[in-house]
Amino acid sequence: MAYSDQDLEKYLIKAQEVLNSKTEDYLSEEDLQDIAQKLGLNIQELAKAKKDYLIRGHNHRRAGNYNDAIKEYEQLLLLAPNNDKGLCGLAQAYAGKWREQRKKVDKEKALAYAYNCTEINPNLKQAYHVINELKSSQSRKGHPKKTLSKKKGETNSNRSTLIFIAGIVVYVVALIFLVVNVLNMPTHLFIISVLGLVFTLLLFIIWLRRRFD
């Protein structure tokens, strides 16, 4: 590498110290240039370091090593807080972690970095893809509730059908009882009539179930 790893490490440590001392959660370009000048670092070497962090971050992310990718992107953003590709890479890496682990914190960070990226570069489509994917996953959560409502409606419909059938049975039995008493029907004929009624009702129930199913 053209730059010294030791000098770069000093730069990152100093940048983190300055960041911790500020009320803002980012370093300005003036802050970064001031740190580089105090440490005697070359701007061209820092530019090379930024490029290397970005390349390593992309390679780790594409390989599914999301934690390693996040570390590389974070180092890049210490050198260049407004680097749109670094912000987008972080959004994509956290989105990848969320797909694997479904942790809410990863999803929130992915959205935050993606939105931050679109503010800096409104033309970076990858950031919008992250936002669209994560927002779409939220809208799909309501679908199971609709399924439950549908099942509940089906249950009420089946219950109404059973009540209707029970009403018919009671009515027919009462009618037969009345006929038996009026006509003084013999017992064996009464039993045959009841069995015929039961068979007819079974056929009727089977027909209803097929129709409502």
N, C-alpha and C. Protein backbone atom coordinates (compact mmCIF):
# COMPACT_ATOMS: atom_id res chain seq x y z
N MET A 1 0.84 -1.19 0.00
CA MET A 1 0.00 0.00 0.00
C MET A 1 0.88 1.25 0.00
N ALA A 2 0.40 2.32 -0.60
CA ALA A 2 1.19 3.54 -0.69
C ALA A 2 1.23 4.27 0.64
N TYR A 3 0.21 4.08 1.48
CA TYR A 3 0.18 4.76 2.76
C TYR A 3 0.62 3.80 3.85
N SER A 4 0.97 4.37 5.02
CA SER A 4 1.42 3.57 6.15
C SER A 4 0.21 3.12 6.97
N ASP A 5 0.13 1.83 7.24
CA ASP A 5 -0.96 1.32 8.08
C ASP A 5 -0.92 1.94 9.46
N GLN A 6 0.27 2.17 9.97
CA GLN A 6 0.41 2.75 11.30
C GLN A 6 -0.09 4.19 11.32
N ASP A 7 0.25 4.96 10.28
CA ASP A 7 -0.23 6.34 10.21
C ASP A 7 -1.74 6.39 10.06
N LEU A 8 -2.27 5.48 9.27
CA LEU A 8 -3.72 5.43 9.07
C LEU A 8 -4.43 5.08 10.37
N GLU A 9 -3.85 4.17 11.13
CA GLU A 9 -4.44 3.80 12.42
C GLU A 9 -4.45 4.99 13.37
N LYS A 10 -3.36 5.77 13.36
CA LYS A 10 -3.31 6.98 14.19
C LYS A 10 -4.40 7.96 13.76
N TYR A 11 -4.58 8.07 12.46
CA TYR A 11 -5.59 8.97 11.94
C TYR A 11 -6.99 8.56 12.40
N LEU A 12 -7.28 7.27 12.31
CA LEU A 12 -8.60 6.78 12.70
C LEU A 12 -8.84 6.97 14.19
N ILE A 13 -7.81 6.72 14.98
CA ILE A 13 -7.94 6.91 16.43
C ILE A 13 -8.21 8.37 16.75
N LYS A 14 -7.46 9.26 16.09
CA LYS A 14 -7.64 10.69 16.33
C LYS A 14 -9.01 11.15 15.85
N ALA A 15 -9.44 10.62 14.72
CA ALA A 15 -10.77 10.98 14.21
C ALA A 15 -11.86 10.56 15.17
N GLN A 16 -11.72 9.37 15.77
CA GLN A 16 -12.71 8.89 16.73
C GLN A 16 -12.71 9.76 17.98
N GLU A 17 -11.53 10.20 18.41
CA GLU A 17 -11.43 11.08 19.58
C GLU A 17 -12.12 12.41 19.32
N VAL A 18 -11.87 12.98 18.15
CA VAL A 18 -12.51 14.25 17.80
C VAL A 18 -14.02 14.08 17.70
N LEU A 19 -14.45 12.97 17.11
CA LEU A 19 -15.89 12.71 16.99
C LEU A 19 -16.54 12.59 18.35
N ASN A 20 -15.89 11.92 19.28
CA ASN A 20 -16.45 11.76 20.63
C ASN A 20 -16.55 13.08 21.38
N SER A 21 -15.69 14.03 21.02
CA SER A 21 -15.68 15.32 21.71
C SER A 21 -16.70 16.30 21.13
N LYS A 22 -17.29 15.96 19.99
CA LYS A 22 -18.24 16.86 19.33
C LYS A 22 -19.67 16.54 19.73
N THR A 23 -20.52 17.54 19.67
CA THR A 23 -21.94 17.32 19.94
C THR A 23 -22.63 16.68 18.74
N GLU A 24 -22.10 16.94 17.53
CA GLU A 24 -22.65 16.31 16.34
C GLU A 24 -22.17 14.86 16.25
N ASP A 25 -22.88 14.06 15.49
CA ASP A 25 -22.51 12.65 15.34
C ASP A 25 -21.76 12.41 14.03
N TYR A 26 -21.06 13.43 13.54
CA TYR A 26 -20.29 13.28 12.31
C TYR A 26 -19.12 14.27 12.34
N LEU A 27 -18.14 14.01 11.47
CA LEU A 27 -16.99 14.90 11.30
C LEU A 27 -17.11 15.63 9.97
N SER A 28 -16.85 16.92 9.98
CA SER A 28 -16.88 17.69 8.74
C SER A 28 -15.60 17.47 7.95
N GLU A 29 -15.62 17.90 6.71
CA GLU A 29 -14.41 17.80 5.89
C GLU A 29 -13.28 18.62 6.49
N GLU A 30 -13.64 19.76 7.10
CA GLU A 30 -12.62 20.59 7.74
C GLU A 30 -11.98 19.85 8.91
N ASP A 31 -12.80 19.13 9.68
CA ASP A 31 -12.26 18.34 10.80
C ASP A 31 -11.26 17.31 10.28
N LEU A 32 -11.63 16.63 9.22
CA LEU A 32 -10.78 15.56 8.68
C LEU A 32 -9.47 16.11 8.12
N GLN A 33 -9.57 17.22 7.42
CA GLN A 33 -8.35 17.81 6.87
C GLN A 33 -7.44 18.32 7.98
N ASP A 34 -8.03 18.86 9.03
CA ASP A 34 -7.24 19.35 10.16
C ASP A 34 -6.51 18.20 10.85
N ILE A 35 -7.20 17.07 11.01
CA ILE A 35 -6.57 15.90 11.62
C ILE A 35 -5.42 15.40 10.76
N ALA A 36 -5.65 15.34 9.45
CA ALA A 36 -4.61 14.86 8.53
C ALA A 36 -3.39 15.76 8.57
N GLN A 37 -3.60 17.07 8.60
CA GLN A 37 -2.48 18.00 8.64
C GLN A 37 -1.69 17.88 9.93
N LYS A 38 -2.39 17.73 11.05
CA LYS A 38 -1.70 17.62 12.34
C LYS A 38 -0.85 16.35 12.41
N LEU A 39 -1.31 15.29 11.77
CA LEU A 39 -0.57 14.03 11.78
C LEU A 39 0.41 13.93 10.62
N GLY A 40 0.40 14.93 9.75
CA GLY A 40 1.33 14.93 8.62
C GLY A 40 1.00 13.90 7.57
N LEU A 41 -0.29 13.61 7.40
CA LEU A 41 -0.69 12.60 6.41
C LEU A 41 -1.00 13.25 5.07
N ASN A 42 -0.78 12.49 4.03
CA ASN A 42 -1.01 12.95 2.67
C ASN A 42 -2.46 12.70 2.27
N ILE A 43 -3.10 13.71 1.68
CA ILE A 43 -4.50 13.59 1.28
C ILE A 43 -4.68 12.49 0.24
N GLN A 44 -3.72 12.33 -0.66
CA GLN A 44 -3.81 11.29 -1.68
C GLN A 44 -3.77 9.90 -1.06
N GLU A 45 -2.97 9.76 -0.02
CA GLU A 45 -2.90 8.47 0.66
C GLU A 45 -4.23 8.14 1.35
N LEU A 46 -4.83 9.18 1.93
CA LEU A 46 -6.13 8.97 2.57
C LEU A 46 -7.19 8.60 1.53
N ALA A 47 -7.12 9.20 0.37
CA ALA A 47 -8.06 8.86 -0.70
C ALA A 47 -7.92 7.40 -1.10
N LYS A 48 -6.67 6.92 -1.15
CA LYS A 48 -6.42 5.51 -1.46
C LYS A 48 -6.99 4.62 -0.36
N ALA A 49 -6.84 5.05 0.89
CA ALA A 49 -7.37 4.26 2.01
C ALA A 49 -8.89 4.17 1.93
N LYS A 50 -9.54 5.28 1.58
CA LYS A 50 -11.00 5.28 1.44
C LYS A 50 -11.44 4.26 0.38
N LYS A 51 -10.75 4.27 -0.74
CA LYS A 51 -11.09 3.36 -1.82
C LYS A 51 -10.93 1.91 -1.38
N ASP A 52 -9.85 1.63 -0.64
CA ASP A 52 -9.60 0.25 -0.19
C ASP A 52 -10.67 -0.21 0.80
N TYR A 53 -11.07 0.68 1.72
CA TYR A 53 -12.13 0.33 2.67
C TYR A 53 -13.42 0.01 1.92
N LEU A 54 -13.74 0.81 0.92
CA LEU A 54 -14.97 0.60 0.15
C LEU A 54 -14.93 -0.73 -0.59
N ILE A 55 -13.79 -1.04 -1.21
CA ILE A 55 -13.66 -2.30 -1.95
C ILE A 55 -13.80 -3.49 -1.02
N ARG A 56 -13.11 -3.43 0.12
CA ARG A 56 -13.20 -4.55 1.07
C ARG A 56 -14.62 -4.69 1.62
N GLY A 57 -15.26 -3.56 1.88
CA GLY A 57 -16.64 -3.61 2.36
C GLY A 57 -17.56 -4.27 1.36
N HIS A 58 -17.43 -3.88 0.09
CA HIS A 58 -18.26 -4.48 -0.97
C HIS A 58 -18.01 -5.99 -1.08
N ASN A 59 -16.76 -6.38 -1.05
CA ASN A 59 -16.42 -7.80 -1.21
C ASN A 59 -16.95 -8.64 -0.05
N HIS A 60 -16.81 -8.13 1.17
CA HIS A 60 -17.34 -8.85 2.34
C HIS A 60 -18.87 -8.95 2.25
N ARG A 61 -19.51 -7.86 1.85
CA ARG A 61 -20.98 -7.87 1.78
C ARG A 61 -21.48 -8.86 0.74
N ARG A 62 -20.85 -8.88 -0.42
CA ARG A 62 -21.27 -9.79 -1.48
C ARG A 62 -21.03 -11.25 -1.11
N ALA A 63 -20.05 -11.48 -0.23
CA ALA A 63 -19.77 -12.84 0.24
C ALA A 63 -20.65 -13.23 1.41
N GLY A 64 -21.48 -12.31 1.89
CA GLY A 64 -22.36 -12.60 3.02
C GLY A 64 -21.71 -12.40 4.37
N ASN A 65 -20.51 -11.82 4.40
CA ASN A 65 -19.83 -11.53 5.67
C ASN A 65 -20.22 -10.13 6.13
N TYR A 66 -21.44 -10.01 6.62
CA TYR A 66 -22.00 -8.69 6.86
C TYR A 66 -21.32 -7.94 8.00
N ASN A 67 -20.93 -8.62 9.05
CA ASN A 67 -20.25 -7.94 10.15
C ASN A 67 -18.91 -7.37 9.71
N ASP A 68 -18.15 -8.13 8.92
CA ASP A 68 -16.88 -7.63 8.41
C ASP A 68 -17.11 -6.46 7.45
N ALA A 69 -18.14 -6.57 6.65
CA ALA A 69 -18.47 -5.47 5.73
C ALA A 69 -18.80 -4.20 6.49
N ILE A 70 -19.57 -4.34 7.55
CA ILE A 70 -19.96 -3.18 8.36
C ILE A 70 -18.73 -2.50 8.95
N LYS A 71 -17.77 -3.27 9.43
CA LYS A 71 -16.55 -2.69 9.99
C LYS A 71 -15.79 -1.88 8.95
N GLU A 72 -15.68 -2.41 7.74
CA GLU A 72 -14.96 -1.70 6.67
C GLU A 72 -15.68 -0.41 6.29
N TYR A 73 -17.00 -0.48 6.15
CA TYR A 73 -17.76 0.72 5.80
C TYR A 73 -17.67 1.78 6.90
N GLU A 74 -17.69 1.34 8.15
CA GLU A 74 -17.60 2.30 9.26
C GLU A 74 -16.24 2.99 9.28
N GLN A 75 -15.18 2.26 8.97
CA GLN A 75 -13.86 2.87 8.88
C GLN A 75 -13.83 3.89 7.75
N LEU A 76 -14.47 3.55 6.65
CA LEU A 76 -14.54 4.48 5.52
C LEU A 76 -15.25 5.76 5.94
N LEU A 77 -16.36 5.62 6.67
CA LEU A 77 -17.14 6.80 7.05
C LEU A 77 -16.42 7.65 8.09
N LEU A 78 -15.48 7.06 8.82
CA LEU A 78 -14.64 7.88 9.69
C LEU A 78 -13.75 8.80 8.86
N LEU A 79 -13.31 8.29 7.73
CA LEU A 79 -12.48 9.11 6.84
C LEU A 79 -13.33 10.05 5.99
N ALA A 80 -14.53 9.60 5.64
CA ALA A 80 -15.40 10.39 4.76
C ALA A 80 -16.85 10.19 5.18
N PRO A 81 -17.34 10.97 6.15
CA PRO A 81 -18.69 10.76 6.71
C PRO A 81 -19.81 10.87 5.68
N ASN A 82 -19.60 11.63 4.61
CA ASN A 82 -20.65 11.83 3.61
C ASN A 82 -20.44 10.99 2.36
N ASN A 83 -19.69 9.92 2.48
CA ASN A 83 -19.47 9.05 1.33
C ASN A 83 -20.75 8.27 1.03
N ASP A 84 -21.38 8.59 -0.07
CA ASP A 84 -22.69 8.00 -0.38
C ASP A 84 -22.61 6.49 -0.58
N LYS A 85 -21.55 6.01 -1.21
CA LYS A 85 -21.42 4.58 -1.45
C LYS A 85 -21.15 3.82 -0.15
N GLY A 86 -20.43 4.46 0.76
CA GLY A 86 -20.21 3.84 2.06
C GLY A 86 -21.50 3.75 2.86
N LEU A 87 -22.31 4.81 2.82
CA LEU A 87 -23.60 4.80 3.51
C LEU A 87 -24.53 3.75 2.91
N CYS A 88 -24.55 3.69 1.59
CA CYS A 88 -25.40 2.69 0.92
C CYS A 88 -24.92 1.28 1.23
N GLY A 89 -23.60 1.09 1.26
CA GLY A 89 -23.05 -0.22 1.60
C GLY A 89 -23.45 -0.65 3.00
N LEU A 90 -23.41 0.30 3.95
CA LEU A 90 -23.84 0.00 5.32
C LEU A 90 -25.32 -0.39 5.34
N ALA A 91 -26.13 0.36 4.60
CA ALA A 91 -27.57 0.04 4.53
C ALA A 91 -27.78 -1.37 3.99
N GLN A 92 -27.06 -1.72 2.93
CA GLN A 92 -27.20 -3.05 2.34
C GLN A 92 -26.69 -4.15 3.27
N ALA A 93 -25.60 -3.87 3.98
CA ALA A 93 -25.04 -4.86 4.91
C ALA A 93 -26.00 -5.12 6.07
N TYR A 94 -26.56 -4.06 6.64
CA TYR A 94 -27.52 -4.24 7.73
C TYR A 94 -28.80 -4.90 7.23
N ALA A 95 -29.20 -4.60 6.01
CA ALA A 95 -30.37 -5.28 5.43
C ALA A 95 -30.09 -6.77 5.26
N GLY A 96 -28.86 -7.11 4.88
CA GLY A 96 -28.48 -8.51 4.77
C GLY A 96 -28.52 -9.22 6.11
N LYS A 97 -28.03 -8.54 7.15
CA LYS A 97 -28.11 -9.12 8.50
C LYS A 97 -29.56 -9.33 8.91
N TRP A 98 -30.41 -8.36 8.58
CA TRP A 98 -31.82 -8.47 8.94
C TRP A 98 -32.48 -9.65 8.25
N ARG A 99 -32.13 -9.90 6.99
CA ARG A 99 -32.72 -11.04 6.28
C ARG A 99 -32.35 -12.35 6.95
N GLU A 100 -31.15 -12.43 7.50
CA GLU A 100 -30.70 -13.67 8.13
C GLU A 100 -31.23 -13.82 9.55
N GLN A 101 -31.25 -12.74 10.33
CA GLN A 101 -31.54 -12.84 11.76
C GLN A 101 -32.87 -12.21 12.17
N ARG A 102 -33.44 -11.37 11.30
CA ARG A 102 -34.73 -10.73 11.57
C ARG A 102 -34.71 -9.91 12.86
N LYS A 103 -33.60 -9.23 13.11
CA LYS A 103 -33.52 -8.37 14.29
C LYS A 103 -33.98 -6.96 13.92
N LYS A 104 -34.83 -6.41 14.76
CA LYS A 104 -35.40 -5.09 14.48
C LYS A 104 -34.33 -4.02 14.39
N VAL A 105 -33.30 -4.11 15.23
CA VAL A 105 -32.25 -3.08 15.25
C VAL A 105 -31.52 -3.03 13.92
N ASP A 106 -31.30 -4.18 13.28
CA ASP A 106 -30.62 -4.21 11.98
C ASP A 106 -31.49 -3.55 10.91
N LYS A 107 -32.77 -3.79 10.98
CA LYS A 107 -33.69 -3.19 10.02
C LYS A 107 -33.72 -1.68 10.18
N GLU A 108 -33.75 -1.21 11.42
CA GLU A 108 -33.78 0.23 11.68
C GLU A 108 -32.51 0.91 11.19
N LYS A 109 -31.36 0.28 11.43
CA LYS A 109 -30.10 0.86 10.97
C LYS A 109 -30.03 0.87 9.45
N ALA A 110 -30.50 -0.19 8.82
CA ALA A 110 -30.49 -0.25 7.36
C ALA A 110 -31.31 0.89 6.77
N LEU A 111 -32.50 1.12 7.32
CA LEU A 111 -33.34 2.21 6.83
C LEU A 111 -32.71 3.56 7.08
N ALA A 112 -32.11 3.74 8.26
CA ALA A 112 -31.49 5.03 8.61
C ALA A 112 -30.35 5.36 7.64
N TYR A 113 -29.48 4.39 7.40
CA TYR A 113 -28.36 4.64 6.48
C TYR A 113 -28.85 4.83 5.05
N ALA A 114 -29.88 4.11 4.66
CA ALA A 114 -30.41 4.25 3.30
C ALA A 114 -31.00 5.65 3.09
N TYR A 115 -31.78 6.12 4.06
CA TYR A 115 -32.35 7.46 3.95
C TYR A 115 -31.26 8.53 3.97
N ASN A 116 -30.25 8.33 4.81
CA ASN A 116 -29.13 9.26 4.86
C ASN A 116 -28.42 9.33 3.52
N CYS A 117 -28.29 8.18 2.89
CA CYS A 117 -27.64 8.11 1.58
C CYS A 117 -28.44 8.88 0.53
N THR A 118 -29.77 8.73 0.55
CA THR A 118 -30.59 9.42 -0.46
C THR A 118 -30.55 10.93 -0.28
N GLU A 119 -30.31 11.39 0.95
CA GLU A 119 -30.19 12.83 1.18
C GLU A 119 -28.90 13.37 0.57
N ILE A 120 -27.85 12.57 0.61
CA ILE A 120 -26.56 13.00 0.06
C ILE A 120 -26.52 12.81 -1.45
N ASN A 121 -27.04 11.68 -1.90
CA ASN A 121 -27.07 11.38 -3.34
C ASN A 121 -28.44 10.83 -3.71
N PRO A 122 -29.36 11.68 -4.19
CA PRO A 122 -30.71 11.22 -4.52
C PRO A 122 -30.76 10.27 -5.71
N ASN A 123 -29.65 10.09 -6.41
CA ASN A 123 -29.65 9.27 -7.62
C ASN A 123 -29.12 7.85 -7.40
N LEU A 124 -28.77 7.52 -6.16
CA LEU A 124 -28.21 6.19 -5.90
C LEU A 124 -29.37 5.20 -5.70
N LYS A 125 -29.66 4.43 -6.74
CA LYS A 125 -30.85 3.57 -6.76
C LYS A 125 -30.78 2.44 -5.73
N GLN A 126 -29.58 1.97 -5.42
CA GLN A 126 -29.46 0.85 -4.48
C GLN A 126 -30.05 1.20 -3.12
N ALA A 127 -29.91 2.46 -2.71
CA ALA A 127 -30.47 2.88 -1.42
C ALA A 127 -31.99 2.79 -1.43
N TYR A 128 -32.60 3.17 -2.54
CA TYR A 128 -34.06 3.09 -2.65
C TYR A 128 -34.53 1.64 -2.67
N HIS A 129 -33.72 0.75 -3.24
CA HIS A 129 -34.08 -0.67 -3.24
C HIS A 129 -34.15 -1.21 -1.81
N VAL A 130 -33.19 -0.78 -0.97
CA VAL A 130 -33.20 -1.20 0.44
C VAL A 130 -34.46 -0.69 1.13
N ILE A 131 -34.76 0.58 0.92
CA ILE A 131 -35.95 1.18 1.56
C ILE A 131 -37.22 0.45 1.11
N ASN A 132 -37.33 0.20 -0.18
CA ASN A 132 -38.53 -0.46 -0.72
C ASN A 132 -38.69 -1.86 -0.15
N GLU A 133 -37.59 -2.61 -0.07
CA GLU A 133 -37.66 -3.98 0.45
C GLU A 133 -38.12 -3.99 1.91
N LEU A 134 -37.52 -3.12 2.72
CA LEU A 134 -37.84 -3.14 4.15
C LEU A 134 -39.23 -2.58 4.42
N LYS A 135 -39.64 -1.58 3.67
CA LYS A 135 -40.98 -1.04 3.84
C LYS A 135 -42.04 -2.06 3.38
N SER A 136 -41.74 -2.79 2.32
CA SER A 136 -42.67 -3.81 1.82
C SER A 136 -42.86 -4.92 2.85
N SER A 137 -41.79 -5.26 3.57
CA SER A 137 -41.89 -6.31 4.58
C SER A 137 -42.81 -5.89 5.72
N GLN A 138 -42.89 -4.59 6.00
CA GLN A 138 -43.78 -4.10 7.05
C GLN A 138 -45.24 -4.20 6.62
N SER A 139 -45.51 -3.88 5.34
CA SER A 139 -46.89 -3.89 4.87
C SER A 139 -47.46 -5.29 4.78
N ARG A 140 -46.59 -6.31 4.64
CA ARG A 140 -47.07 -7.69 4.54
C ARG A 140 -47.50 -8.27 5.87
N LYS A 141 -47.22 -7.59 6.98
CA LYS A 141 -47.55 -8.13 8.29
C LYS A 141 -49.05 -8.19 8.53
N GLY A 142 -49.84 -7.36 7.82
CA GLY A 142 -51.28 -7.33 8.06
C GLY A 142 -52.03 -8.47 7.41
N HIS A 143 -51.40 -9.19 6.49
CA HIS A 143 -52.11 -10.23 5.74
C HIS A 143 -52.63 -11.38 6.59
N PRO A 144 -51.88 -11.90 7.56
CA PRO A 144 -52.41 -13.01 8.37
C PRO A 144 -53.70 -12.65 9.10
N LYS A 145 -53.82 -11.36 9.50
CA LYS A 145 -55.03 -10.95 10.21
C LYS A 145 -56.24 -11.08 9.31
N LYS A 146 -56.06 -10.76 8.01
CA LYS A 146 -57.17 -10.90 7.08
C LYS A 146 -57.58 -12.35 6.94
N THR A 147 -56.63 -13.25 6.96
CA THR A 147 -56.91 -14.68 6.87
C THR A 147 -57.70 -15.15 8.08
N LEU A 148 -57.31 -14.65 9.27
CA LEU A 148 -58.02 -15.02 10.48
C LEU A 148 -59.45 -14.53 10.43
N SER A 149 -59.66 -13.32 9.91
CA SER A 149 -61.01 -12.78 9.82
C SER A 149 -61.86 -13.62 8.88
N LYS A 150 -61.21 -14.08 7.80
CA LYS A 150 -61.94 -14.91 6.85
C LYS A 150 -62.36 -16.22 7.49
N LYS A 151 -61.43 -16.84 8.25
CA LYS A 151 -61.75 -18.10 8.92
C LYS A 151 -62.87 -17.91 9.93
N LYS A 152 -62.84 -16.77 10.63
CA LYS A 152 -63.88 -16.50 11.61
C LYS A 152 -65.23 -16.39 10.93
N GLY A 153 -65.28 -15.75 9.75
CA GLY A 153 -66.51 -15.65 9.00
C GLY A 153 -67.02 -17.00 8.55
N GLU A 154 -66.08 -17.88 8.14
CA GLU A 154 -66.46 -19.23 7.73
C GLU A 154 -67.04 -20.00 8.91
N THR A 155 -66.45 -19.84 10.10
CA THR A 155 -66.94 -20.53 11.29
C THR A 155 -68.36 -20.10 11.62
N ASN A 156 -68.62 -18.78 11.53
CA ASN A 156 -69.97 -18.28 11.81
C ASN A 156 -70.97 -18.83 10.79
N SER A 157 -70.53 -18.95 9.53
CA SER A 157 -71.42 -19.49 8.49
C SER A 157 -71.76 -20.94 8.77
N ASN A 158 -70.76 -21.74 9.15
CA ASN A 158 -71.00 -23.15 9.47
C ASN A 158 -71.91 -23.30 10.68
N ARG A 159 -71.70 -22.42 11.67
CA ARG A 159 -72.54 -22.47 12.87
C ARG A 159 -74.00 -22.18 12.52
N SER A 160 -74.23 -21.21 11.65
CA SER A 160 -75.59 -20.89 11.23
C SER A 160 -76.23 -22.06 10.50
N THR A 161 -75.44 -22.74 9.69
CA THR A 161 -75.95 -23.91 8.96
C THR A 161 -76.39 -25.01 9.91
N LEU A 162 -75.57 -25.28 10.94
CA LEU A 162 -75.92 -26.32 11.91
C LEU A 162 -77.18 -25.97 12.68
N ILE A 163 -77.31 -24.69 13.04
CA ILE A 163 -78.53 -24.26 13.75
C ILE A 163 -79.75 -24.45 12.86
N PHE A 164 -79.60 -24.15 11.59
CA PHE A 164 -80.70 -24.32 10.64
C PHE A 164 -81.11 -25.79 10.53
N ILE A 165 -80.10 -26.67 10.44
CA ILE A 165 -80.38 -28.11 10.34
C ILE A 165 -81.06 -28.61 11.61
N ALA A 166 -80.55 -28.16 12.77
CA ALA A 166 -81.15 -28.59 14.04
C ALA A 166 -82.60 -28.16 14.12
N GLY A 167 -82.90 -26.97 13.63
CA GLY A 167 -84.28 -26.49 13.63
C GLY A 167 -85.18 -27.37 12.78
N ILE A 168 -84.67 -27.78 11.62
CA ILE A 168 -85.45 -28.66 10.74
C ILE A 168 -85.73 -30.00 11.42
N VAL A 169 -84.68 -30.56 12.07
CA VAL A 169 -84.84 -31.85 12.75
C VAL A 169 -85.92 -31.76 13.83
N VAL A 170 -85.85 -30.72 14.65
CA VAL A 170 -86.84 -30.56 15.73
C VAL A 170 -88.25 -30.43 15.14
N TYR A 171 -88.36 -29.66 14.08
CA TYR A 171 -89.67 -29.46 13.46
C TYR A 171 -90.23 -30.77 12.91
N VAL A 172 -89.41 -31.55 12.22
CA VAL A 172 -89.88 -32.79 11.61
C VAL A 172 -90.23 -33.82 12.67
N VAL A 173 -89.40 -33.93 13.72
CA VAL A 173 -89.70 -34.87 14.80
C VAL A 173 -91.02 -34.52 15.47
N ALA A 174 -91.22 -33.23 15.70
CA ALA A 174 -92.48 -32.80 16.31
C ALA A 174 -93.66 -33.12 15.40
N LEU A 175 -93.46 -32.97 14.10
CA LEU A 175 -94.52 -33.26 13.15
C LEU A 175 -94.86 -34.74 13.15
N ILE A 176 -93.83 -35.60 13.18
CA ILE A 176 -94.06 -37.04 13.21
C ILE A 176 -94.77 -37.45 14.50
N PHE A 177 -94.33 -36.85 15.61
CA PHE A 177 -94.96 -37.17 16.89
C PHE A 177 -96.44 -36.82 16.85
N LEU A 178 -96.76 -35.68 16.23
CA LEU A 178 -98.16 -35.27 16.12
C LEU A 178 -98.95 -36.24 15.25
N VAL A 179 -98.34 -36.66 14.13
CA VAL A 179 -99.01 -37.60 13.23
C VAL A 179 -99.26 -38.93 13.91
N VAL A 180 -98.27 -39.41 14.67
CA VAL A 180 -98.41 -40.69 15.36
C VAL A 180 -99.57 -40.65 16.35
N ASN A 181 -99.67 -39.57 17.07
CA ASN A 181 -100.74 -39.46 18.07
C ASN A 181 -102.11 -39.32 17.42
N VAL A 182 -102.17 -38.61 16.29
CA VAL A 182 -103.46 -38.41 15.64
C VAL A 182 -103.93 -39.67 14.92
N LEU A 183 -102.99 -40.33 14.22
CA LEU A 183 -103.35 -41.50 13.41
C LEU A 183 -103.19 -42.81 14.16
N ASN A 184 -102.70 -42.78 15.39
CA ASN A 184 -102.46 -44.00 16.17
C ASN A 184 -101.62 -45.01 15.38
N MET A 185 -100.50 -44.51 14.83
CA MET A 185 -99.61 -45.35 14.02
C MET A 185 -98.97 -46.42 14.89
N PRO A 186 -98.89 -47.69 14.39
CA PRO A 186 -98.22 -48.76 15.14
C PRO A 186 -96.75 -48.43 15.38
N THR A 187 -96.20 -49.06 16.42
CA THR A 187 -94.82 -48.76 16.82
C THR A 187 -93.83 -49.09 15.71
N HIS A 188 -93.99 -50.28 15.06
CA HIS A 188 -93.00 -50.67 14.05
C HIS A 188 -93.01 -49.73 12.85
N LEU A 189 -94.20 -49.21 12.50
CA LEU A 189 -94.26 -48.24 11.40
C LEU A 189 -93.61 -46.93 11.80
N PHE A 190 -93.77 -46.58 13.08
CA PHE A 190 -93.16 -45.34 13.58
C PHE A 190 -91.64 -45.43 13.49
N ILE A 191 -91.09 -46.60 13.88
CA ILE A 191 -89.63 -46.78 13.84
C ILE A 191 -89.12 -46.69 12.40
N ILE A 192 -89.83 -47.33 11.48
CA ILE A 192 -89.44 -47.27 10.07
C ILE A 192 -89.45 -45.83 9.56
N SER A 193 -90.48 -45.09 9.97
CA SER A 193 -90.59 -43.69 9.54
C SER A 193 -89.42 -42.86 10.06
N VAL A 194 -89.07 -43.10 11.34
CA VAL A 194 -87.96 -42.35 11.94
C VAL A 194 -86.66 -42.66 11.23
N LEU A 195 -86.40 -43.96 10.94
CA LEU A 195 -85.17 -44.35 10.23
C LEU A 195 -85.12 -43.71 8.84
N GLY A 196 -86.25 -43.69 8.17
CA GLY A 196 -86.29 -43.05 6.86
C GLY A 196 -85.99 -41.57 6.95
N LEU A 197 -86.54 -40.95 8.02
CA LEU A 197 -86.28 -39.53 8.22
C LEU A 197 -84.80 -39.27 8.48
N VAL A 198 -84.20 -40.11 9.33
CA VAL A 198 -82.78 -39.94 9.64
C VAL A 198 -81.94 -40.07 8.38
N PHE A 199 -82.25 -41.07 7.56
CA PHE A 199 -81.50 -41.27 6.32
C PHE A 199 -81.64 -40.06 5.39
N THR A 200 -82.86 -39.55 5.32
CA THR A 200 -83.10 -38.38 4.47
C THR A 200 -82.32 -37.17 4.98
N LEU A 201 -82.31 -36.99 6.31
CA LEU A 201 -81.57 -35.86 6.90
C LEU A 201 -80.08 -35.98 6.66
N LEU A 202 -79.55 -37.22 6.74
CA LEU A 202 -78.12 -37.42 6.48
C LEU A 202 -77.77 -37.01 5.05
N LEU A 203 -78.61 -37.42 4.11
CA LEU A 203 -78.38 -37.02 2.72
C LEU A 203 -78.43 -35.50 2.57
N PHE A 204 -79.38 -34.90 3.29
CA PHE A 204 -79.54 -33.45 3.23
C PHE A 204 -78.32 -32.74 3.81
N ILE A 205 -77.78 -33.27 4.92
CA ILE A 205 -76.59 -32.68 5.56
C ILE A 205 -75.38 -32.79 4.64
N ILE A 206 -75.21 -33.97 4.01
CA ILE A 206 -74.09 -34.16 3.08
C ILE A 206 -74.18 -33.16 1.93
N TRP A 207 -75.36 -32.96 1.43
CA TRP A 207 -75.54 -32.00 0.34
C TRP A 207 -75.19 -30.58 0.77
N LEU A 208 -75.62 -30.22 1.99
CA LEU A 208 -75.32 -28.87 2.50
C LEU A 208 -73.82 -28.66 2.68
N ARG A 209 -73.15 -29.67 3.25
CA ARG A 209 -71.71 -29.53 3.49
C ARG A 209 -70.95 -29.35 2.18
N ARG A 210 -71.33 -30.12 1.16
CA ARG A 210 -70.67 -29.97 -0.13
C ARG A 210 -70.92 -28.60 -0.73
N ARG A 211 -72.09 -28.10 -0.52
CA ARG A 211 -72.43 -26.79 -1.09
C ARG A 211 -71.67 -25.67 -0.40
N PHE A 212 -71.62 -25.69 0.94
CA PHE A 212 -70.97 -24.61 1.68
C PHE A 212 -69.46 -24.73 1.69
N ASP A 213 -68.91 -25.94 1.51
CA ASP A 213 -67.46 -26.11 1.42
C ASP A 213 -66.95 -25.60 0.08
